[in-house]
Amino acid sequence: MTLRKDTMPIDDTVALRDALTSSQAQVEALQAELDETNRGVLALYAELDTQAQQLRQATELKSRFLAYMSHEFRTPISSIRSLTRLLLDRVDGPLTDEQEKQINFIRTTSEEFADMVNDLLDLAKVEAGRIDVSPGWFELVDLFAALRGMFKPVLVNPDVQLIFEEPQGIAQLFTDDAKLSQILRNYISNALKFTAQGEVRVSAVTAPAASGVPGEDEITFSVADTGIGIAPEFHDAIFQDFIQIGSPIQKRLRGTGLGLSLSKRLAELLGGRVGLRSEPGVGSVFSVTLPLRLPGAAAEVPDA
């Protein structure tokens, strides 16, 4: 018996060979394109690394400059404030009404300058990662009492009341009370500045955290005022550096435009966030929400 072998026609063999050759050429072309793309990606990564390094250096230089200039400005500012205080106390003799007016103007301007220098220095520390967070256990009653005493001397408008609601049923907090106080001071100062009549109310409430994890409750501090309010289109920008909202009061009462920006960054350092609700002509509510216990910080058992 003779076994029959299937044979492929010569034309089919040639066609298959040509197809394989074409496929191999396409694969080689694709491989070359991939190699070229990889070289481009590596070059791009190298360029990005270089730019990132330059950006870090620029940020470091800016932070150093701000810190250096802030320290250098503090001495002459302190001297100006001391001199104006001596003049207003009539240490060197009586003043005319016009002299007193001009000296008060110098004093107010120097205080604004001092606030700006302090805010710039704090911002430089935050950006450089050199600001220390020192958490500890404390009572809200003590924090509110300290703030109340701090603002009592500056409540010169009899048409505005500063009210601190007594915290009810809120446990001790474990966070940096100095930085929390700084945030609330910025909020209260702004509220008093832009409230001609009515009240500024400071309160605190606790609520479960957004994560829903048991034991991770949050506390929200709110500073509500009956002032001029802020239009909705400015709500997103109000926490940016040097942002000031145009208004008749804003033109009369100047500020640094850094307090709210600094408050936002301090809140983020404490694991929290800031918020704003406002309506022109009605008032504003600035808030800061923090965890009851600073994340990642080891805490001893609070005192009973």
Protein backbone atom coordinates (compact mmCIF):
# COMPACT_ATOMS: atom_id res chain seq x y z
CA MET A 1 0.00 0.00 0.00
CA THR A 2 1.28 3.44 -0.89
CA LEU A 3 0.88 6.29 1.70
CA ARG A 4 -0.32 9.58 0.23
CA LYS A 5 1.21 12.81 1.47
CA ASP A 6 -0.67 16.07 1.20
CA THR A 7 1.44 18.59 -0.58
CA MET A 8 1.03 22.40 -0.55
CA PRO A 9 1.04 24.15 -3.87
CA ILE A 10 4.15 26.23 -4.58
CA ASP A 11 2.10 29.43 -4.85
CA ASP A 12 0.65 28.93 -1.34
CA THR A 13 4.10 28.33 0.09
CA VAL A 14 5.42 31.52 -1.44
CA ALA A 15 2.41 33.48 -0.16
CA LEU A 16 2.89 32.11 3.37
CA ARG A 17 6.58 32.97 3.28
CA ASP A 18 5.83 36.49 2.11
CA ALA A 19 3.21 36.90 4.83
CA LEU A 20 5.66 35.74 7.50
CA THR A 21 8.31 38.08 6.16
CA SER A 22 5.85 40.99 6.21
CA SER A 23 4.72 40.15 9.74
CA GLN A 24 8.32 39.97 10.92
CA ALA A 25 9.03 43.35 9.35
CA GLN A 26 5.99 44.82 11.08
CA VAL A 27 7.09 43.38 14.42
CA GLU A 28 10.58 44.80 13.95
CA ALA A 29 9.12 48.19 13.02
CA LEU A 30 6.82 48.10 16.05
CA GLN A 31 9.75 47.12 18.28
CA ALA A 32 11.81 50.02 16.92
CA GLU A 33 8.91 52.39 17.56
CA LEU A 34 8.53 51.08 21.11
CA ASP A 35 12.26 51.49 21.73
CA GLU A 36 12.08 55.06 20.48
CA THR A 37 9.05 55.75 22.65
CA ASN A 38 10.82 54.30 25.70
CA ARG A 39 13.83 56.52 25.05
CA GLY A 40 11.50 59.51 24.82
CA VAL A 41 9.74 58.56 28.06
CA LEU A 42 13.08 58.17 29.85
CA ALA A 43 14.20 61.55 28.55
CA LEU A 44 10.90 63.08 29.70
CA TYR A 45 11.29 61.55 33.16
CA ALA A 46 14.81 62.93 33.37
CA GLU A 47 13.57 66.38 32.37
CA LEU A 48 10.73 66.20 34.91
CA ASP A 49 13.19 65.19 37.63
CA THR A 50 15.38 68.15 36.73
CA GLN A 51 12.45 70.54 36.79
CA ALA A 52 11.21 69.08 40.09
CA GLN A 53 14.66 69.58 41.59
CA GLN A 54 14.74 73.18 40.33
CA LEU A 55 11.27 73.76 41.77
CA ARG A 56 12.34 72.38 45.14
CA GLN A 57 15.37 74.64 45.11
CA ALA A 58 13.26 77.66 44.17
CA THR A 59 10.77 76.86 46.94
CA GLU A 60 13.60 76.47 49.43
CA LEU A 61 15.14 79.78 48.38
CA LYS A 62 11.76 81.52 48.64
CA SER A 63 11.16 80.08 52.09
CA ARG A 64 14.64 81.14 53.23
CA PHE A 65 14.11 84.63 51.85
CA LEU A 66 10.73 85.02 53.55
CA ALA A 67 12.06 83.71 56.84
CA TYR A 68 15.15 85.95 56.70
CA MET A 69 13.25 89.09 55.73
CA SER A 70 10.56 88.41 58.31
CA HIS A 71 13.16 88.19 61.07
CA GLU A 72 14.91 91.31 59.80
CA PHE A 73 11.68 93.31 59.73
CA ARG A 74 10.65 92.41 63.26
CA THR A 75 13.19 94.62 65.03
CA PRO A 76 12.33 97.93 63.33
CA ILE A 77 8.62 97.17 63.57
CA SER A 78 8.92 96.55 67.30
CA SER A 79 10.84 99.82 67.67
CA ILE A 80 8.15 101.77 65.82
CA ARG A 81 5.39 100.26 67.94
CA SER A 82 7.28 101.03 71.15
CA LEU A 83 7.90 104.62 70.12
CA THR A 84 4.25 105.20 69.19
CA ARG A 85 3.16 103.74 72.53
CA LEU A 86 5.51 106.11 74.40
CA LEU A 87 4.23 109.10 72.43
CA LEU A 88 0.59 108.18 72.98
CA ASP A 89 1.28 107.78 76.71
CA ARG A 90 2.52 111.41 76.70
CA VAL A 91 5.87 110.41 78.19
CA ASP A 92 7.56 113.31 76.37
CA GLY A 93 4.75 115.79 76.88
CA PRO A 94 1.25 116.56 75.59
CA LEU A 95 0.09 116.02 72.00
CA THR A 96 -2.19 118.05 69.83
CA ASP A 97 -5.25 116.36 68.34
CA GLU A 98 -3.59 116.22 64.93
CA GLN A 99 -0.39 114.74 66.36
CA GLU A 100 -2.35 112.06 68.18
CA LYS A 101 -4.25 111.25 64.99
CA GLN A 102 -1.03 110.85 62.98
CA ILE A 103 0.66 108.75 65.65
CA ASN A 104 -2.37 106.46 65.82
CA PHE A 105 -2.14 106.09 62.07
CA ILE A 106 1.54 105.07 62.39
CA ARG A 107 0.68 102.64 65.18
CA THR A 108 -2.12 101.00 63.19
CA THR A 109 0.06 100.68 60.10
CA SER A 110 2.94 99.16 62.08
CA GLU A 111 0.57 96.61 63.65
CA GLU A 112 -0.71 95.63 60.20
CA PHE A 113 2.88 95.30 59.04
CA ALA A 114 3.71 93.13 62.06
CA ASP A 115 0.74 90.86 61.32
CA MET A 116 1.87 90.48 57.70
CA VAL A 117 5.44 89.65 58.76
CA ASN A 118 4.21 87.03 61.23
CA ASP A 119 1.93 85.45 58.63
CA LEU A 120 4.72 85.40 56.03
CA LEU A 121 7.07 83.75 58.50
CA ASP A 122 4.49 81.10 59.39
CA LEU A 123 3.74 80.44 55.71
CA ALA A 124 7.45 80.07 54.99
CA LYS A 125 7.76 77.52 57.78
CA VAL A 126 4.76 75.55 56.53
CA GLU A 127 6.01 75.49 52.93
CA ALA A 128 9.49 74.42 54.03
CA GLY A 129 8.06 71.71 56.28
CA ARG A 130 9.77 73.25 59.29
CA ILE A 131 6.77 74.01 61.41
CA ASP A 132 6.42 71.79 64.47
CA VAL A 133 3.13 70.27 65.52
CA SER A 134 2.97 69.82 69.28
CA PRO A 135 -0.23 67.98 70.21
CA GLY A 136 -1.57 67.60 73.71
CA TRP A 137 -4.80 67.07 75.63
CA PHE A 138 -6.80 70.19 76.48
CA GLU A 139 -10.32 71.33 77.33
CA LEU A 140 -12.40 73.48 74.99
CA VAL A 141 -13.53 75.58 77.94
CA ASP A 142 -9.94 76.66 78.50
CA LEU A 143 -9.40 77.44 74.81
CA PHE A 144 -12.55 79.56 74.60
CA ALA A 145 -11.68 81.37 77.84
CA ALA A 146 -8.25 82.28 76.48
CA LEU A 147 -9.74 83.56 73.21
CA ARG A 148 -12.38 85.55 75.07
CA GLY A 149 -9.74 87.26 77.17
CA MET A 150 -7.58 87.91 74.13
CA PHE A 151 -10.31 89.73 72.20
CA LYS A 152 -11.85 91.61 75.11
CA PRO A 153 -9.49 94.63 74.74
CA VAL A 154 -10.21 94.99 70.99
CA LEU A 155 -14.02 94.98 71.25
CA VAL A 156 -14.38 98.70 70.64
CA ASN A 157 -17.64 98.60 68.65
CA PRO A 158 -20.60 98.59 71.06
CA ASP A 159 -22.91 97.45 68.24
CA VAL A 160 -21.13 94.08 67.90
CA GLN A 161 -21.16 91.27 70.46
CA LEU A 162 -18.58 88.48 70.57
CA ILE A 163 -20.29 85.35 71.90
CA PHE A 164 -18.63 82.06 72.80
CA GLU A 165 -21.12 79.23 73.11
CA GLU A 166 -20.24 76.94 75.99
CA PRO A 167 -19.25 73.51 74.63
CA GLN A 168 -21.62 70.81 75.82
CA GLY A 169 -20.60 67.18 76.21
CA ILE A 170 -17.39 67.51 74.20
CA ALA A 171 -14.54 65.36 75.40
CA GLN A 172 -10.96 66.58 75.62
CA LEU A 173 -9.15 67.15 72.35
CA PHE A 174 -5.72 65.85 71.44
CA THR A 175 -4.21 68.26 68.92
CA ASP A 176 -2.02 71.36 68.77
CA ASP A 177 -4.05 73.91 70.71
CA ALA A 178 -1.74 76.80 69.72
CA LYS A 179 -2.32 76.25 66.00
CA LEU A 180 -6.04 75.72 66.51
CA SER A 181 -6.12 78.97 68.48
CA GLN A 182 -4.30 80.71 65.62
CA ILE A 183 -6.92 79.51 63.12
CA LEU A 184 -9.78 80.70 65.31
CA ARG A 185 -8.06 84.03 65.99
CA ASN A 186 -7.82 84.66 62.25
CA TYR A 187 -11.50 83.80 61.81
CA ILE A 188 -12.63 85.97 64.72
CA SER A 189 -10.46 88.92 63.68
CA ASN A 190 -11.90 88.86 60.16
CA ALA A 191 -15.44 88.54 61.49
CA LEU A 192 -15.05 91.51 63.83
CA LYS A 193 -13.41 93.56 61.11
CA PHE A 194 -16.24 93.09 58.60
CA THR A 195 -19.21 93.15 60.98
CA ALA A 196 -20.57 96.63 61.62
CA GLN A 197 -23.43 95.50 63.86
CA GLY A 198 -24.90 92.32 65.24
CA GLU A 199 -22.77 89.51 66.60
CA VAL A 200 -19.85 87.18 66.06
CA ARG A 201 -20.63 83.73 67.49
CA VAL A 202 -18.03 81.02 68.15
CA SER A 203 -19.23 77.45 68.63
CA ALA A 204 -18.08 73.83 68.44
CA VAL A 205 -19.94 70.60 67.71
CA THR A 206 -18.84 67.00 67.28
CA ALA A 207 -20.02 64.51 64.68
CA PRO A 208 -18.97 61.11 63.31
CA ALA A 209 -16.14 61.33 60.81
CA ALA A 210 -16.91 61.00 57.12
CA SER A 211 -15.03 57.67 57.10
CA GLY A 212 -17.65 56.17 59.41
CA VAL A 213 -14.96 54.40 61.45
CA PRO A 214 -16.00 54.14 65.13
CA GLY A 215 -13.87 56.24 67.44
CA GLU A 216 -12.82 58.67 64.72
CA ASP A 217 -15.24 61.47 65.53
CA GLU A 218 -14.57 65.00 64.31
CA ILE A 219 -15.13 68.40 65.82
CA THR A 220 -16.18 71.46 63.82
CA PHE A 221 -15.44 74.94 65.09
CA SER A 222 -17.56 77.69 63.54
CA VAL A 223 -17.24 81.46 63.62
CA ALA A 224 -20.53 82.98 62.42
CA ASP A 225 -21.00 86.69 61.88
CA THR A 226 -23.73 89.07 60.72
CA GLY A 227 -21.33 91.04 58.55
CA ILE A 228 -21.16 92.00 54.89
CA GLY A 229 -20.93 88.43 53.59
CA ILE A 230 -19.04 87.10 50.59
CA ALA A 231 -20.41 86.54 47.09
CA PRO A 232 -20.45 82.89 45.89
CA GLU A 233 -17.92 83.49 43.09
CA PHE A 234 -15.27 84.32 45.72
CA HIS A 235 -15.82 81.30 47.99
CA ASP A 236 -13.17 79.13 46.32
CA ALA A 237 -10.57 81.90 46.17
CA ILE A 238 -10.95 83.31 49.67
CA PHE A 239 -8.45 80.83 51.17
CA GLN A 240 -5.72 81.64 48.62
CA ASP A 241 -2.68 83.82 49.34
CA PHE A 242 -3.16 87.60 49.22
CA ILE A 243 -6.83 87.37 48.22
CA GLN A 244 -8.94 90.29 49.42
CA ILE A 245 -12.55 90.90 48.48
CA GLY A 246 -13.35 94.37 47.21
CA SER A 247 -15.86 96.22 49.39
CA PRO A 248 -16.22 99.65 51.02
CA ILE A 249 -15.15 98.16 54.36
CA GLN A 250 -12.20 96.37 52.71
CA LYS A 251 -10.95 99.67 51.31
CA ARG A 252 -11.17 101.26 54.74
CA LEU A 253 -9.74 98.32 56.68
CA ARG A 254 -6.65 96.90 55.10
CA GLY A 255 -5.27 93.46 55.79
CA THR A 256 -2.52 91.10 54.69
CA GLY A 257 -4.67 88.69 52.70
CA LEU A 258 -2.69 85.84 54.29
CA GLY A 259 -4.67 84.95 57.41
CA LEU A 260 -7.20 82.66 55.77
CA SER A 261 -4.57 81.01 53.57
CA LEU A 262 -2.47 80.30 56.63
CA SER A 263 -5.54 78.98 58.47
CA LYS A 264 -6.18 76.49 55.68
CA ARG A 265 -2.61 75.20 55.75
CA LEU A 266 -2.57 74.92 59.52
CA ALA A 267 -5.86 72.99 59.42
CA GLU A 268 -4.35 70.57 56.91
CA LEU A 269 -1.31 70.10 59.17
CA LEU A 270 -3.73 69.09 61.92
CA GLY A 271 -5.45 66.58 59.66
CA GLY A 272 -8.49 68.77 59.07
CA ARG A 273 -10.12 71.09 56.56
CA VAL A 274 -11.65 74.54 56.39
CA GLY A 275 -15.08 75.57 55.15
CA LEU A 276 -17.16 78.61 54.32
CA ARG A 277 -20.84 79.43 54.02
CA SER A 278 -21.69 83.01 53.19
CA GLU A 279 -24.27 85.26 51.59
CA PRO A 280 -23.78 88.94 50.78
CA GLY A 281 -25.64 91.19 53.19
CA VAL A 282 -26.45 88.31 55.55
CA GLY A 283 -23.14 87.16 56.99
CA SER A 284 -20.57 84.39 56.90
CA VAL A 285 -19.74 81.18 58.72
CA PHE A 286 -16.09 80.16 58.62
CA SER A 287 -15.39 76.70 59.96
CA VAL A 288 -12.54 74.32 60.63
CA THR A 289 -13.13 70.60 61.09
CA LEU A 290 -10.51 68.52 62.91
CA PRO A 291 -10.28 64.98 64.22
CA LEU A 292 -10.73 64.77 67.98
CA ARG A 293 -7.33 63.13 68.05
CA LEU A 294 -4.47 64.19 65.79
CA PRO A 295 -3.82 61.35 63.28
CA GLY A 296 -0.56 59.48 63.71
CA ALA A 297 0.26 61.04 67.07
CA ALA A 298 0.86 58.95 70.16
CA ALA A 299 -1.28 60.20 73.01
CA GLU A 300 -1.26 59.35 76.67
CA VAL A 301 -4.52 58.81 78.49
CA PRO A 302 -6.05 62.23 79.22
CA ASP A 303 -6.36 63.44 82.76
CA ALA A 304 -9.67 62.71 84.38
